[in-house]
Protein backbone atom coordinates (compact mmCIF):
# COMPACT_ATOMS: atom_id res chain seq x y z
CA UNK A 1 43.07 -37.73 18.53
CA UNK A 2 42.27 -34.62 20.59
CA UNK A 3 45.51 -32.98 19.45
CA UNK A 4 44.66 -33.60 15.81
CA UNK A 5 41.23 -32.02 16.26
CA UNK A 6 42.72 -29.06 18.12
CA UNK A 7 45.30 -28.52 15.37
CA UNK A 8 42.60 -28.77 12.69
CA UNK A 9 40.52 -26.13 14.52
CA UNK A 10 43.52 -23.80 14.81
CA UNK A 11 44.35 -24.14 11.11
CA UNK A 12 40.72 -23.55 10.16
CA UNK A 13 40.63 -20.34 12.18
CA UNK A 14 43.93 -19.17 10.72
CA UNK A 15 42.68 -20.01 7.23
CA UNK A 16 39.59 -17.86 7.67
CA UNK A 17 41.57 -14.94 9.03
CA UNK A 18 43.94 -15.06 6.06
CA UNK A 19 41.22 -15.10 3.39
CA UNK A 20 39.86 -11.66 4.28
CA UNK A 21 36.57 -12.97 5.65
CA UNK A 22 34.73 -10.32 7.63
CA UNK A 23 31.30 -10.87 9.16
CA UNK A 24 28.66 -8.63 7.58
CA UNK A 25 27.62 -6.95 10.81
CA UNK A 26 31.25 -6.27 11.80
CA UNK A 27 31.34 -3.42 9.27
CA UNK A 28 31.80 -0.10 11.11
CA UNK A 29 28.59 1.90 11.19
CA UNK A 30 26.42 -0.76 9.54
CA UNK A 31 24.07 -1.22 12.49
CA UNK A 32 23.60 2.53 12.94
CA UNK A 33 23.02 2.93 9.19
CA UNK A 34 20.31 0.27 9.28
CA UNK A 35 18.79 1.97 12.33
CA UNK A 36 18.57 5.25 10.39
CA UNK A 37 15.90 3.80 8.05
CA UNK A 38 12.30 4.87 8.66
CA UNK A 39 9.71 2.39 7.34
CA UNK A 40 6.37 3.37 5.75
CA UNK A 41 4.11 0.42 4.97
CA UNK A 42 0.66 0.22 3.37
CA UNK A 43 -2.47 -0.19 5.47
CA UNK A 44 -3.81 -3.62 6.25
CA UNK A 45 -2.79 -6.58 8.38
CA UNK A 46 0.14 -7.72 6.25
CA UNK A 47 1.47 -4.17 5.88
CA UNK A 48 1.32 -3.75 9.64
CA UNK A 49 3.09 -7.08 10.22
CA UNK A 50 5.83 -6.29 7.70
CA UNK A 51 6.42 -2.83 9.14
CA UNK A 52 6.56 -4.25 12.66
CA UNK A 53 9.11 -6.89 11.61
CA UNK A 54 11.24 -4.31 9.76
CA UNK A 55 11.14 -1.88 12.68
CA UNK A 56 12.36 -4.68 14.95
CA UNK A 57 15.07 -5.73 12.48
CA UNK A 58 16.38 -2.28 11.53
CA UNK A 59 15.80 0.16 14.36
CA UNK A 60 16.96 -1.67 17.46
CA UNK A 61 19.24 1.23 18.48
CA UNK A 62 17.80 4.28 16.75
CA UNK A 63 19.41 7.26 18.41
CA UNK A 64 19.12 10.03 15.86
CA UNK A 65 16.98 11.27 13.00
CA UNK A 66 16.26 9.00 10.06
CA UNK A 67 18.58 9.31 7.07
CA UNK A 68 16.39 7.20 4.76
CA UNK A 69 12.72 6.49 4.28
CA UNK A 70 11.63 3.11 2.97
CA UNK A 71 8.28 3.08 1.17
CA UNK A 72 6.78 -0.39 0.82
CA UNK A 73 4.21 -1.70 -1.62
CA UNK A 74 2.97 -5.23 -1.11
CA UNK A 75 0.90 -7.69 -3.06
CA UNK A 76 -0.53 -10.94 -1.81
CA UNK A 77 -1.88 -13.98 -3.61
CA UNK A 78 -3.35 -17.24 -2.38
CA UNK A 79 -3.55 -20.30 -4.60
CA UNK A 80 -5.41 -23.52 -3.76
CA UNK A 81 -3.24 -26.64 -3.79
CA UNK A 82 -3.97 -30.24 -2.82
CA UNK A 83 -7.53 -30.37 -4.21
CA UNK A 84 -9.69 -33.22 -2.86
CA UNK A 85 -12.14 -35.21 -4.99
CA UNK A 86 -14.98 -32.93 -3.83
CA UNK A 87 -13.05 -29.93 -5.25
CA UNK A 88 -12.07 -28.50 -1.84
CA UNK A 89 -8.49 -27.36 -1.28
CA UNK A 90 -6.64 -28.94 1.62
CA UNK A 91 -3.53 -26.77 1.20
CA UNK A 92 -2.92 -23.26 -0.02
CA UNK A 93 0.13 -21.51 -1.38
CA UNK A 94 0.55 -17.97 -0.08
CA UNK A 95 2.75 -15.54 -2.02
CA UNK A 96 3.84 -12.19 -0.59
CA UNK A 97 5.70 -9.75 -2.84
CA UNK A 98 7.17 -6.64 -1.24
CA UNK A 99 8.57 -3.84 -3.40
CA UNK A 100 10.56 -1.21 -1.58
CA UNK A 101 12.02 2.16 -2.48
CA UNK A 102 14.68 3.62 -0.21
CA UNK A 103 14.82 7.41 -0.43
CA UNK A 104 17.37 9.76 1.14
CA UNK A 105 16.02 12.27 3.60
CA UNK A 106 15.30 15.15 3.36
CA UNK A 107 15.82 15.33 -0.42
CA UNK A 108 13.69 12.30 -1.28
CA UNK A 109 16.19 11.13 -3.92
CA UNK A 110 15.90 7.40 -4.59
CA UNK A 111 18.91 5.55 -3.19
CA UNK A 112 17.84 1.94 -3.78
CA UNK A 113 14.96 -0.12 -5.09
CA UNK A 114 14.30 -3.76 -4.43
CA UNK A 115 11.80 -6.58 -4.44
CA UNK A 116 11.48 -9.67 -2.31
CA UNK A 117 9.09 -12.53 -2.91
CA UNK A 118 8.14 -15.08 -0.28
CA UNK A 119 6.22 -18.25 -1.11
CA UNK A 120 4.96 -20.69 1.47
CA UNK A 121 2.19 -23.21 1.95
CA UNK A 122 -0.22 -23.95 4.76
CA UNK A 123 -2.91 -26.50 5.54
CA UNK A 124 -6.57 -25.63 5.31
CA UNK A 125 -8.75 -27.39 7.84
CA UNK A 126 -12.44 -28.17 7.49
CA UNK A 127 -13.21 -25.89 10.44
CA UNK A 128 -13.52 -22.24 9.34
CA UNK A 129 -11.76 -20.77 12.39
CA UNK A 130 -8.80 -23.13 11.99
CA UNK A 131 -8.47 -22.10 8.34
CA UNK A 132 -8.46 -18.41 9.26
CA UNK A 133 -5.79 -18.98 11.93
CA UNK A 134 -3.66 -20.96 9.45
CA UNK A 135 -3.92 -18.15 6.89
CA UNK A 136 -2.99 -15.52 9.47
CA UNK A 137 -0.03 -17.63 10.56
CA UNK A 138 1.11 -17.81 6.92
CA UNK A 139 0.89 -14.00 6.68
CA UNK A 140 2.98 -13.65 9.85
CA UNK A 141 5.65 -16.10 8.65
CA UNK A 142 5.79 -14.45 5.22
CA UNK A 143 6.18 -10.98 6.79
CA UNK A 144 9.02 -12.27 8.98
CA UNK A 145 10.84 -13.81 6.02
CA UNK A 146 10.30 -10.75 3.79
CA UNK A 147 11.68 -8.47 6.54
CA UNK A 148 14.70 -10.73 6.98
CA UNK A 149 15.43 -10.69 3.23
CA UNK A 150 15.02 -6.91 2.99
CA UNK A 151 17.31 -6.44 5.99
CA UNK A 152 19.98 -8.65 4.40
CA UNK A 153 19.74 -6.83 1.06
CA UNK A 154 20.09 -3.45 2.74
CA UNK A 155 22.93 -4.62 4.99
CA UNK A 156 24.85 -5.94 1.98
CA UNK A 157 24.21 -2.73 0.06
CA UNK A 158 25.32 -0.51 2.96
CA UNK A 159 28.36 -2.71 3.75
CA UNK A 160 29.53 -2.51 0.14
CA UNK A 161 29.32 1.25 0.33
CA UNK A 162 26.38 3.26 -0.95
CA UNK A 163 27.00 4.30 -4.56
CA UNK A 164 27.53 8.05 -4.83
CA UNK A 165 25.21 10.09 -7.02
CA UNK A 166 26.65 10.89 -10.46
CA UNK A 167 27.27 14.58 -11.11
């Protein structure tokens, strides 16, 4: 039985190597290209959280000047869900939409535009402080997920090769 499993594992590995599969972050220069993105976020708690998450995700090994500047615009919405009989919401849906524009430096020419939307829910307690903490936790989780999605979009775009400007 162990031999059969070992042979199956070997064939699976050989099958992946033959199909041309390459991990995204194995692309030469991808990590340094992501690190060359400077992030500018709007003021406010959610803007700060999103910028912090993106700085952590993109600029782990920044060693040179930025080649791109990412300008972010965010919008937030909160919708009551799970209404009790006394018309008080017990759950809320939090929606964070982040629009980004990636511009080349120093020219400022737009290289890429994108939008990510994160929707999540959280409980609302009867105690005011607990409700505030739950809302802040939702903002933090939404910023983390938005940063992850933006990072993946940019990594895919850079790995595919940045489209050259048309002359």
